[in-house]
């Protein structure tokens, strides 16, 4: 298997799901870096701030009850995502490389 490039646009496909909690969260974090996911998360963030957070009285003061963040990506075998790989992401990608197939896009 060739090495994962340190720069450029790369499409990753999940072969398997990591058994460790840290590996699962690392893949989830990498999947959230996809441009489409970023755009959707930004829209959901604005909606949460403007509509879903509630202000309620608590102990004589107004209290902000925040809505939970949406879990947008799903870590499952066969899922794929395309991200712009940078040297800062190299350690994260290397730590879960055994669970990923990759294909250089550009």
PDB file of N, CA and C in Angstrom:
ATOM      1  N   UNK A   1       0.844  -1.184   0.000  1.00  0.00           N
ATOM      2  CA  UNK A   1       0.000   0.000   0.000  1.00  0.00           C
ATOM      3  C   UNK A   1       0.884   1.240   0.000  1.00  0.00           C
ATOM      4  N   UNK A   2       0.569   2.202  -0.851  1.00  0.00           N
ATOM      5  CA  UNK A   2       1.349   3.428  -0.899  1.00  0.00           C
ATOM      6  C   UNK A   2       0.977   4.331   0.271  1.00  0.00           C
ATOM      7  N   UNK A   3       1.830   5.314   0.505  1.00  0.00           N
ATOM      8  CA  UNK A   3       1.596   6.200   1.644  1.00  0.00           C
ATOM      9  C   UNK A   3       0.548   7.244   1.307  1.00  0.00           C
ATOM     10  N   UNK A   4      -0.095   7.739   2.321  1.00  0.00           N
ATOM     11  CA  UNK A   4      -1.123   8.770   2.167  1.00  0.00           C
ATOM     12  C   UNK A   4      -0.428  10.102   1.896  1.00  0.00           C
ATOM     13  N   UNK A   5      -0.852  10.838   0.879  1.00  0.00           N
ATOM     14  CA  UNK A   5      -0.202  12.118   0.580  1.00  0.00           C
ATOM     15  C   UNK A   5      -0.408  13.121   1.711  1.00  0.00           C
ATOM     16  N   UNK A   6       0.588  14.004   1.886  1.00  0.00           N
ATOM     17  CA  UNK A   6       0.510  14.984   2.976  1.00  0.00           C
ATOM     18  C   UNK A   6      -0.195  16.261   2.558  1.00  0.00           C
ATOM     19  N   UNK A   7      -0.397  16.473   1.263  1.00  0.00           N
ATOM     20  CA  UNK A   7      -1.133  17.648   0.794  1.00  0.00           C
ATOM     21  C   UNK A   7      -2.010  17.250  -0.382  1.00  0.00           C
ATOM     22  N   UNK A   8      -3.003  18.077  -0.645  1.00  0.00           N
ATOM     23  CA  UNK A   8      -3.884  17.839  -1.785  1.00  0.00           C
ATOM     24  C   UNK A   8      -5.254  17.344  -1.355  1.00  0.00           C
ATOM     25  N   UNK A   9      -6.117  17.158  -2.322  1.00  0.00           N
ATOM     26  CA  UNK A   9      -7.465  16.685  -2.082  1.00  0.00           C
ATOM     27  C   UNK A   9      -7.484  15.163  -2.172  1.00  0.00           C
ATOM     28  N   UNK A  10      -8.009  14.527  -1.116  1.00  0.00           N
ATOM     29  CA  UNK A  10      -8.010  13.070  -1.041  1.00  0.00           C
ATOM     30  C   UNK A  10      -9.411  12.599  -0.645  1.00  0.00           C
ATOM     31  N   UNK A  11      -9.869  11.530  -1.290  1.00  0.00           N
ATOM     32  CA  UNK A  11     -11.127  10.898  -0.921  1.00  0.00           C
ATOM     33  C   UNK A  11     -10.824   9.659  -0.099  1.00  0.00           C
ATOM     34  N   UNK A  12     -11.397   9.588   1.094  1.00  0.00           N
ATOM     35  CA  UNK A  12     -11.213   8.448   1.988  1.00  0.00           C
ATOM     36  C   UNK A  12     -12.507   7.644   2.040  1.00  0.00           C
ATOM     37  N   UNK A  13     -12.370   6.321   2.118  1.00  0.00           N
ATOM     38  CA  UNK A  13     -13.504   5.419   2.280  1.00  0.00           C
ATOM     39  C   UNK A  13     -13.227   4.543   3.489  1.00  0.00           C
ATOM     40  N   UNK A  14     -14.201   4.391   4.366  1.00  0.00           N
ATOM     41  CA  UNK A  14     -14.015   3.579   5.571  1.00  0.00           C
ATOM     42  C   UNK A  14     -14.100   2.100   5.234  1.00  0.00           C
ATOM     43  N   UNK A  15     -13.057   1.359   5.592  1.00  0.00           N
ATOM     44  CA  UNK A  15     -13.062  -0.100   5.435  1.00  0.00           C
ATOM     45  C   UNK A  15     -13.727  -0.744   6.636  1.00  0.00           C
ATOM     46  N   UNK A  16     -13.410  -0.209   7.813  1.00  0.00           N
ATOM     47  CA  UNK A  16     -13.948  -0.749   9.060  1.00  0.00           C
ATOM     48  C   UNK A  16     -14.039   0.377  10.079  1.00  0.00           C
ATOM     49  N   UNK A  17     -14.763   0.114  11.142  1.00  0.00           N
ATOM     50  CA  UNK A  17     -14.928   1.101  12.212  1.00  0.00           C
ATOM     51  C   UNK A  17     -13.941   0.765  13.330  1.00  0.00           C
ATOM     52  N   UNK A  18     -13.184   1.754  13.826  1.00  0.00           N
ATOM     53  CA  UNK A  18     -12.248   1.476  14.912  1.00  0.00           C
ATOM     54  C   UNK A  18     -12.981   1.044  16.182  1.00  0.00           C
ATOM     55  N   UNK A  19     -12.366   0.140  16.910  1.00  0.00           N
ATOM     56  CA  UNK A  19     -12.971  -0.338  18.145  1.00  0.00           C
ATOM     57  C   UNK A  19     -12.729   0.616  19.306  1.00  0.00           C
ATOM     58  N   UNK A  20     -11.677   1.421  19.231  1.00  0.00           N
ATOM     59  CA  UNK A  20     -11.389   2.361  20.311  1.00  0.00           C
ATOM     60  C   UNK A  20     -12.231   3.616  20.152  1.00  0.00           C
ATOM     61  N   UNK A  21     -12.557   4.216  21.277  1.00  0.00           N
ATOM     62  CA  UNK A  21     -13.357   5.435  21.264  1.00  0.00           C
ATOM     63  C   UNK A  21     -12.584   6.585  20.621  1.00  0.00           C
ATOM     64  N   UNK A  22     -11.286   6.651  20.878  1.00  0.00           N
ATOM     65  CA  UNK A  22     -10.459   7.711  20.304  1.00  0.00           C
ATOM     66  C   UNK A  22     -10.380   7.622  18.795  1.00  0.00           C
ATOM     67  N   UNK A  23     -10.233   6.417  18.261  1.00  0.00           N
ATOM     68  CA  UNK A  23     -10.188   6.230  16.813  1.00  0.00           C
ATOM     69  C   UNK A  23     -11.508   6.588  16.154  1.00  0.00           C
ATOM     70  N   UNK A  24     -12.606   6.225  16.809  1.00  0.00           N
ATOM     71  CA  UNK A  24     -13.938   6.551  16.301  1.00  0.00           C
ATOM     72  C   UNK A  24     -14.107   8.065  16.215  1.00  0.00           C
ATOM     73  N   UNK A  25     -13.721   8.766  17.290  1.00  0.00           N
ATOM     74  CA  UNK A  25     -13.866  10.228  17.315  1.00  0.00           C
ATOM     75  C   UNK A  25     -12.928  10.909  16.320  1.00  0.00           C
ATOM     76  N   UNK A  26     -11.747  10.330  16.097  1.00  0.00           N
ATOM     77  CA  UNK A  26     -10.813  10.900  15.124  1.00  0.00           C
ATOM     78  C   UNK A  26     -11.408  10.830  13.718  1.00  0.00           C
ATOM     79  N   UNK A  27     -11.972   9.690  13.357  1.00  0.00           N
ATOM     80  CA  UNK A  27     -12.597   9.570  12.034  1.00  0.00           C
ATOM     81  C   UNK A  27     -13.797  10.498  11.925  1.00  0.00           C
ATOM     82  N   UNK A  28     -14.568  10.600  12.981  1.00  0.00           N
ATOM     83  CA  UNK A  28     -15.721  11.503  12.974  1.00  0.00           C
ATOM     84  C   UNK A  28     -15.276  12.954  12.768  1.00  0.00           C
ATOM     85  N   UNK A  29     -14.205  13.333  13.430  1.00  0.00           N
ATOM     86  CA  UNK A  29     -13.667  14.685  13.298  1.00  0.00           C
ATOM     87  C   UNK A  29     -13.153  14.924  11.879  1.00  0.00           C
ATOM     88  N   UNK A  30     -12.479  13.933  11.290  1.00  0.00           N
ATOM     89  CA  UNK A  30     -11.999  14.076   9.916  1.00  0.00           C
ATOM     90  C   UNK A  30     -13.165  14.180   8.932  1.00  0.00           C
ATOM     91  N   UNK A  31     -14.231  13.438   9.169  1.00  0.00           N
ATOM     92  CA  UNK A  31     -15.399  13.490   8.287  1.00  0.00           C
ATOM     93  C   UNK A  31     -16.083  14.847   8.351  1.00  0.00           C
ATOM     94  N   UNK A  32     -16.040  15.488   9.501  1.00  0.00           N
ATOM     95  CA  UNK A  32     -16.653  16.817   9.636  1.00  0.00           C
ATOM     96  C   UNK A  32     -15.868  17.897   8.908  1.00  0.00           C
ATOM     97  N   UNK A  33     -14.644  17.599   8.442  1.00  0.00           N
ATOM     98  CA  UNK A  33     -13.838  18.576   7.705  1.00  0.00           C
ATOM     99  C   UNK A  33     -14.235  18.675   6.239  1.00  0.00           C
ATOM    100  N   UNK A  34     -15.100  17.788   5.778  1.00  0.00           N
ATOM    101  CA  UNK A  34     -15.558  17.846   4.393  1.00  0.00           C
ATOM    102  C   UNK A  34     -16.322  19.150   4.155  1.00  0.00           C
ATOM    103  N   UNK A  35     -16.150  19.717   2.985  1.00  0.00           N
ATOM    104  CA  UNK A  35     -16.717  21.037   2.694  1.00  0.00           C
ATOM    105  C   UNK A  35     -18.240  21.074   2.845  1.00  0.00           C
ATOM    106  N   UNK A  36     -18.931  20.055   2.374  1.00  0.00           N
ATOM    107  CA  UNK A  36     -20.398  20.012   2.483  1.00  0.00           C
ATOM    108  C   UNK A  36     -20.845  19.907   3.929  1.00  0.00           C
ATOM    109  N   UNK A  37     -20.129  19.123   4.712  1.00  0.00           N
ATOM    110  CA  UNK A  37     -20.462  18.991   6.129  1.00  0.00           C
ATOM    111  C   UNK A  37     -20.209  20.298   6.862  1.00  0.00           C
ATOM    112  N   UNK A  38     -19.117  20.988   6.524  1.00  0.00           N
ATOM    113  CA  UNK A  38     -18.817  22.274   7.143  1.00  0.00           C
ATOM    114  C   UNK A  38     -19.931  23.288   6.883  1.00  0.00           C
ATOM    115  N   UNK A  39     -20.404  23.309   5.643  1.00  0.00           N
ATOM    116  CA  UNK A  39     -21.461  24.253   5.268  1.00  0.00           C
ATOM    117  C   UNK A  39     -22.746  23.968   6.054  1.00  0.00           C
ATOM    118  N   UNK A  40     -23.107  22.708   6.140  1.00  0.00           N
ATOM    119  CA  UNK A  40     -24.326  22.331   6.856  1.00  0.00           C
ATOM    120  C   UNK A  40     -24.197  22.603   8.339  1.00  0.00           C
ATOM    121  N   UNK A  41     -23.040  22.294   8.928  1.00  0.00           N
ATOM    122  CA  UNK A  41     -22.826  22.564  10.358  1.00  0.00           C
ATOM    123  C   UNK A  41     -22.908  24.052  10.664  1.00  0.00           C
ATOM    124  N   UNK A  42     -22.413  24.893   9.757  1.00  0.00           N
ATOM    125  CA  UNK A  42     -22.467  26.343   9.963  1.00  0.00           C
ATOM    126  C   UNK A  42     -23.917  26.834   9.953  1.00  0.00           C
ATOM    127  N   UNK A  43     -24.734  26.296   9.025  1.00  0.00           N
ATOM    128  CA  UNK A  43     -26.149  26.677   8.966  1.00  0.00           C
ATOM    129  C   UNK A  43     -26.885  26.223  10.225  1.00  0.00           C
ATOM    130  N   UNK A  44     -26.589  24.997  10.680  1.00  0.00           N
ATOM    131  CA  UNK A  44     -27.229  24.494  11.892  1.00  0.00           C
ATOM    132  C   UNK A  44     -26.819  25.302  13.114  1.00  0.00           C
ATOM    133  N   UNK A  45     -25.578  25.760  13.135  1.00  0.00           N
ATOM    134  CA  UNK A  45     -25.106  26.580  14.249  1.00  0.00           C
ATOM    135  C   UNK A  45     -25.890  27.896  14.324  1.00  0.00           C
ATOM    136  N   UNK A  46     -26.103  28.527  13.172  1.00  0.00           N
ATOM    137  CA  UNK A  46     -26.875  29.775  13.147  1.00  0.00           C
ATOM    138  C   UNK A  46     -28.313  29.535  13.598  1.00  0.00           C
ATOM    139  N   UNK A  47     -28.902  28.416  13.160  1.00  0.00           N
ATOM    140  CA  UNK A  47     -30.265  28.085  13.565  1.00  0.00           C
ATOM    141  C   UNK A  47     -30.353  27.876  15.071  1.00  0.00           C
ATOM    142  N   UNK A  48     -29.370  27.170  15.620  1.00  0.00           N
ATOM    143  CA  UNK A  48     -29.361  26.930  17.072  1.00  0.00           C
ATOM    144  C   UNK A  48     -29.294  28.236  17.838  1.00  0.00           C
ATOM    145  N   UNK A  49     -28.421  29.131  17.412  1.00  0.00           N
ATOM    146  CA  UNK A  49     -28.250  30.397  18.120  1.00  0.00           C
ATOM    147  C   UNK A  49     -29.522  31.234  18.062  1.00  0.00           C
ATOM    148  N   UNK A  50     -30.154  31.281  16.884  1.00  0.00           N
ATOM    149  CA  UNK A  50     -31.303  32.167  16.696  1.00  0.00           C
ATOM    150  C   UNK A  50     -32.631  31.579  17.153  1.00  0.00           C
ATOM    151  N   UNK A  51     -32.806  30.268  17.052  1.00  0.00           N
ATOM    152  CA  UNK A  51     -34.130  29.699  17.276  1.00  0.00           C
ATOM    153  C   UNK A  51     -34.212  28.634  18.361  1.00  0.00           C
ATOM    154  N   UNK A  52     -33.190  27.800  18.502  1.00  0.00           N
ATOM    155  CA  UNK A  52     -33.325  26.635  19.364  1.00  0.00           C
ATOM    156  C   UNK A  52     -32.873  26.854  20.808  1.00  0.00           C
ATOM    157  N   UNK A  53     -31.946  27.769  21.037  1.00  0.00           N
ATOM    158  CA  UNK A  53     -31.547  28.048  22.414  1.00  0.00           C
ATOM    159  C   UNK A  53     -32.674  28.766  23.140  1.00  0.00           C
ATOM    160  N   UNK A  54     -32.900  28.377  24.395  1.00  0.00           N
ATOM    161  CA  UNK A  54     -34.007  28.960  25.159  1.00  0.00           C
ATOM    162  C   UNK A  54     -33.471  29.761  26.341  1.00  0.00           C
ATOM    163  N   UNK A  55     -34.166  30.840  26.653  1.00  0.00           N
ATOM    164  CA  UNK A  55     -33.851  31.606  27.858  1.00  0.00           C
ATOM    165  C   UNK A  55     -34.975  31.367  28.847  1.00  0.00           C
ATOM    166  N   UNK A  56     -34.591  30.893  30.047  1.00  0.00           N
ATOM    167  CA  UNK A  56     -35.564  30.600  31.093  1.00  0.00           C
ATOM    168  C   UNK A  56     -35.110  31.240  32.390  1.00  0.00           C
ATOM    169  N   UNK A  57     -36.083  31.605  33.223  1.00  0.00           N
ATOM    170  CA  UNK A  57     -35.667  32.125  34.534  1.00  0.00           C
ATOM    171  C   UNK A  57     -35.168  30.975  35.417  1.00  0.00           C
ATOM    172  N   UNK A  58     -34.073  31.234  36.105  1.00  0.00           N
ATOM    173  CA  UNK A  58     -33.531  30.247  37.035  1.00  0.00           C
ATOM    174  C   UNK A  58     -32.864  31.006  38.169  1.00  0.00           C
ATOM    175  N   UNK A  59     -33.332  30.777  39.353  1.00  0.00           N
ATOM    176  CA  UNK A  59     -32.818  31.446  40.556  1.00  0.00           C
ATOM    177  C   UNK A  59     -32.908  32.962  40.425  1.00  0.00           C
ATOM    178  N   UNK A  60     -34.009  33.442  39.821  1.00  0.00           N
ATOM    179  CA  UNK A  60     -34.232  34.875  39.724  1.00  0.00           C
ATOM    180  C   UNK A  60     -33.501  35.553  38.583  1.00  0.00           C
ATOM    181  N   UNK A  61     -32.767  34.804  37.779  1.00  0.00           N
ATOM    182  CA  UNK A  61     -32.053  35.386  36.644  1.00  0.00           C
ATOM    183  C   UNK A  61     -32.422  34.632  35.372  1.00  0.00           C
ATOM    184  N   UNK A  62     -32.148  35.260  34.252  1.00  0.00           N
ATOM    185  CA  UNK A  62     -32.376  34.580  32.982  1.00  0.00           C
ATOM    186  C   UNK A  62     -31.218  33.619  32.724  1.00  0.00           C
ATOM    187  N   UNK A  63     -31.557  32.411  32.298  1.00  0.00           N
ATOM    188  CA  UNK A  63     -30.588  31.347  32.102  1.00  0.00           C
ATOM    189  C   UNK A  63     -30.696  30.854  30.673  1.00  0.00           C
ATOM    190  N   UNK A  64     -29.570  30.668  30.010  1.00  0.00           N
ATOM    191  CA  UNK A  64     -29.574  30.192  28.628  1.00  0.00           C
ATOM    192  C   UNK A  64     -29.425  28.676  28.621  1.00  0.00           C
ATOM    193  N   UNK A  65     -30.432  27.987  28.070  1.00  0.00           N
ATOM    194  CA  UNK A  65     -30.393  26.539  27.914  1.00  0.00           C
ATOM    195  C   UNK A  65     -30.033  26.275  26.463  1.00  0.00           C
ATOM    196  N   UNK A  66     -28.849  25.743  26.246  1.00  0.00           N
ATOM    197  CA  UNK A  66     -28.352  25.554  24.883  1.00  0.00           C
ATOM    198  C   UNK A  66     -28.802  24.220  24.296  1.00  0.00           C
ATOM    199  N   UNK A  67     -29.166  24.247  23.040  1.00  0.00           N
ATOM    200  CA  UNK A  67     -29.521  23.019  22.319  1.00  0.00           C
ATOM    201  C   UNK A  67     -28.239  22.270  21.975  1.00  0.00           C
ATOM    202  N   UNK A  68     -28.311  20.955  21.961  1.00  0.00           N
ATOM    203  CA  UNK A  68     -27.132  20.137  21.665  1.00  0.00           C
ATOM    204  C   UNK A  68     -26.782  20.208  20.177  1.00  0.00           C
ATOM    205  N   UNK A  69     -25.513  20.065  19.875  1.00  0.00           N
ATOM    206  CA  UNK A  69     -25.023  20.095  18.506  1.00  0.00           C
ATOM    207  C   UNK A  69     -25.486  18.849  17.749  1.00  0.00           C
ATOM    208  N   UNK A  70     -25.818  19.009  16.487  1.00  0.00           N
ATOM    209  CA  UNK A  70     -26.291  17.920  15.654  1.00  0.00           C
ATOM    210  C   UNK A  70     -25.136  17.001  15.270  1.00  0.00           C
ATOM    211  N   UNK A  71     -25.343  15.689  15.361  1.00  0.00           N
ATOM    212  CA  UNK A  71     -24.357  14.713  14.916  1.00  0.00           C
ATOM    213  C   UNK A  71     -24.608  14.493  13.429  1.00  0.00           C
ATOM    214  N   UNK A  72     -23.862  15.173  12.604  1.00  0.00           N
ATOM    215  CA  UNK A  72     -24.141  15.207  11.176  1.00  0.00           C
ATOM    216  C   UNK A  72     -23.554  14.009  10.429  1.00  0.00           C
ATOM    217  N   UNK A  73     -22.335  13.622  10.765  1.00  0.00           N
ATOM    218  CA  UNK A  73     -21.673  12.543  10.027  1.00  0.00           C
ATOM    219  C   UNK A  73     -21.912  11.209  10.715  1.00  0.00           C
ATOM    220  N   UNK A  74     -21.808  10.141   9.933  1.00  0.00           N
ATOM    221  CA  UNK A  74     -22.047   8.803  10.461  1.00  0.00           C
ATOM    222  C   UNK A  74     -20.855   7.928  10.121  1.00  0.00           C
ATOM    223  N   UNK A  75     -20.205   7.381  11.140  1.00  0.00           N
ATOM    224  CA  UNK A  75     -19.043   6.523  10.943  1.00  0.00           C
ATOM    225  C   UNK A  75     -19.533   5.096  10.757  1.00  0.00           C
ATOM    226  N   UNK A  76     -19.466   4.610   9.515  1.00  0.00           N
ATOM    227  CA  UNK A  76     -19.902   3.260   9.179  1.00  0.00           C
ATOM    228  C   UNK A  76     -19.082   2.777   7.987  1.00  0.00           C
ATOM    229  N   UNK A  77     -18.840   1.479   7.891  1.00  0.00           N
ATOM    230  CA  UNK A  77     -18.086   0.972   6.746  1.00  0.00           C
ATOM    231  C   UNK A  77     -18.773   1.334   5.431  1.00  0.00           C
ATOM    232  N   UNK A  78     -17.956   1.751   4.465  1.00  0.00           N
ATOM    233  CA  UNK A  78     -18.492   2.133   3.159  1.00  0.00           C
ATOM    234  C   UNK A  78     -18.715   3.622   3.003  1.00  0.00           C
ATOM    235  N   UNK A  79     -18.771   4.376   4.101  1.00  0.00           N
ATOM    236  CA  UNK A  79     -18.933   5.826   4.018  1.00  0.00           C
ATOM    237  C   UNK A  79     -17.664   6.433   3.432  1.00  0.00           C
ATOM    238  N   UNK A  80     -17.807   7.466   2.619  1.00  0.00           N
ATOM    239  CA  UNK A  80     -16.635   8.129   2.061  1.00  0.00           C
ATOM    240  C   UNK A  80     -16.745   9.632   2.269  1.00  0.00           C
ATOM    241  N   UNK A  81     -15.588  10.278   2.284  1.00  0.00           N
ATOM    242  CA  UNK A  81     -15.535  11.723   2.461  1.00  0.00           C
ATOM    243  C   UNK A  81     -14.292  12.244   1.761  1.00  0.00           C
ATOM    244  N   UNK A  82     -14.381  13.472   1.258  1.00  0.00           N
ATOM    245  CA  UNK A  82     -13.281  14.106   0.531  1.00  0.00           C
ATOM    246  C   UNK A  82     -12.858  15.344   1.300  1.00  0.00           C
ATOM    247  N   UNK A  83     -11.568  15.402   1.641  1.00  0.00           N
ATOM    248  CA  UNK A  83     -11.054  16.550   2.386  1.00  0.00           C
ATOM    249  C   UNK A  83      -9.765  17.046   1.760  1.00  0.00           C
ATOM    250  N   UNK A  84      -9.422  18.277   2.086  1.00  0.00           N
ATOM    251  CA  UNK A  84      -8.155  18.873   1.698  1.00  0.00           C
ATOM    252  C   UNK A  84      -7.147  18.493   2.782  1.00  0.00           C
ATOM    253  N   UNK A  85      -6.191  17.633   2.461  1.00  0.00           N
ATOM    254  CA  UNK A  85      -5.223  17.140   3.441  1.00  0.00           C
ATOM    255  C   UNK A  85      -4.105  18.165   3.599  1.00  0.00           C
ATOM    256  N   UNK A  86      -3.758  18.448   4.846  1.00  0.00           N
ATOM    257  CA  UNK A  86      -2.658  19.349   5.175  1.00  0.00           C
ATOM    258  C   UNK A  86      -1.686  18.607   6.093  1.00  0.00           C
ATOM    259  N   UNK A  87      -0.462  19.099   6.229  1.00  0.00           N
ATOM    260  CA  UNK A  87       0.486  18.438   7.135  1.00  0.00           C
ATOM    261  C   UNK A  87      -0.004  18.377   8.586  1.00  0.00           C
ATOM    262  N   UNK A  88      -0.864  19.293   8.989  1.00  0.00           N
ATOM    263  CA  UNK A  88      -1.387  19.283  10.353  1.00  0.00           C
ATOM    264  C   UNK A  88      -2.293  18.079  10.601  1.00  0.00           C
ATOM    265  N   UNK A  89      -2.884  17.543   9.556  1.00  0.00           N
ATOM    266  CA  UNK A  89      -3.781  16.398   9.696  1.00  0.00           C
ATOM    267  C   UNK A  89      -3.057  15.062   9.572  1.00  0.00           C
ATOM    268  N   UNK A  90      -1.768  15.090   9.270  1.00  0.00           N
ATOM    269  CA  UNK A  90      -1.025  13.859   8.980  1.00  0.00           C
ATOM    270  C   UNK A  90      -1.071  12.868  10.142  1.00  0.00           C
ATOM    271  N   UNK A  91      -0.881  13.325  11.375  1.00  0.00           N
ATOM    272  CA  UNK A  91      -0.879  12.411  12.521  1.00  0.00           C
ATOM    273  C   UNK A  91      -2.259  11.810  12.759  1.00  0.00           C
ATOM    274  N   UNK A  92      -3.306  12.612  12.600  1.00  0.00           N
ATOM    275  CA  UNK A  92      -4.665  12.089  12.773  1.00  0.00           C
ATOM    276  C   UNK A  92      -4.969  11.020  11.726  1.00  0.00           C
ATOM    277  N   UNK A  93      -4.609  11.290  10.487  1.00  0.00           N
ATOM    278  CA  UNK A  93      -4.875  10.330   9.413  1.00  0.00           C
ATOM    279  C   UNK A  93      -4.045   9.067   9.615  1.00  0.00           C
ATOM    280  N   UNK A  94      -2.787   9.227  10.008  1.00  0.00           N
ATOM    281  CA  UNK A  94      -1.915   8.067  10.215  1.00  0.00           C
ATOM    282  C   UNK A  94      -2.414   7.184  11.354  1.00  0.00           C
ATOM    283  N   UNK A  95      -3.036   7.800  12.364  1.00  0.00           N
ATOM    284  CA  UNK A  95      -3.493   7.013  13.515  1.00  0.00           C
ATOM    285  C   UNK A  95      -4.676   6.109  13.170  1.00  0.00           C
ATOM    286  N   UNK A  96      -5.440   6.452  12.144  1.00  0.00           N
ATOM    287  CA  UNK A  96      -6.596   5.633  11.748  1.00  0.00           C
ATOM    288  C   UNK A  96      -6.457   5.100  10.322  1.00  0.00           C
ATOM    289  N   UNK A  97      -5.228   5.109   9.779  1.00  0.00           N
ATOM    290  CA  UNK A  97      -4.993   4.720   8.383  1.00  0.00           C
ATOM    291  C   UNK A  97      -5.400   3.286   8.096  1.00  0.00           C
ATOM    292  N   UNK A  98      -5.313   2.393   9.076  1.00  0.00           N
ATOM    293  CA  UNK A  98      -5.666   0.991   8.829  1.00  0.00           C
ATOM    294  C   UNK A  98      -7.150   0.803   8.560  1.00  0.00           C
ATOM    295  N   UNK A  99      -7.965   1.791   8.924  1.00  0.00           N
ATOM    296  CA  UNK A  99      -9.410   1.719   8.722  1.00  0.00           C
ATOM    297  C   UNK A  99      -9.872   2.456   7.464  1.00  0.00           C
ATOM    298  N   UNK A 100      -8.920   3.081   6.751  1.00  0.00           N
ATOM    299  CA  UNK A 100      -9.275   3.936   5.609  1.00  0.00           C
ATOM    300  C   UNK A 100      -8.626   3.448   4.320  1.00  0.00           C
ATOM    301  N   UNK A 101      -9.374   3.538   3.220  1.00  0.00           N
ATOM    302  CA  UNK A 101      -8.824   3.450   1.868  1.00  0.00           C
ATOM    303  C   UNK A 101      -8.796   4.874   1.346  1.00  0.00           C
ATOM    304  N   UNK A 102      -7.831   5.184   0.505  1.00  0.00           N
ATOM    305  CA  UNK A 102      -7.767   6.560   0.002  1.00  0.00           C
ATOM    306  C   UNK A 102      -7.509   6.571  -1.490  1.00  0.00           C
ATOM    307  N   UNK A 103      -7.922   7.695  -2.106  1.00  0.00           N
ATOM    308  CA  UNK A 103      -7.693   7.918  -3.529  1.00  0.00           C
ATOM    309  C   UNK A 103      -7.442   9.404  -3.707  1.00  0.00           C
ATOM    310  N   UNK A 104      -6.313   9.741  -4.301  1.00  0.00           N
ATOM    311  CA  UNK A 104      -5.970  11.146  -4.536  1.00  0.00           C
ATOM    312  C   UNK A 104      -6.855  11.689  -5.646  1.00  0.00           C
ATOM    313  N   UNK A 105      -7.477  12.841  -5.390  1.00  0.00           N
ATOM    314  CA  UNK A 105      -8.412  13.419  -6.363  1.00  0.00           C
ATOM    315  C   UNK A 105      -7.683  14.308  -7.343  1.00  0.00           C
ATOM    316  N   UNK A 106      -6.864  15.223  -6.826  1.00  0.00           N
ATOM    317  CA  UNK A 106      -6.247  16.205  -7.729  1.00  0.00           C
ATOM    318  C   UNK A 106      -4.786  16.117  -7.866  1.00  0.00           C
TER     319      UNK A 106
END
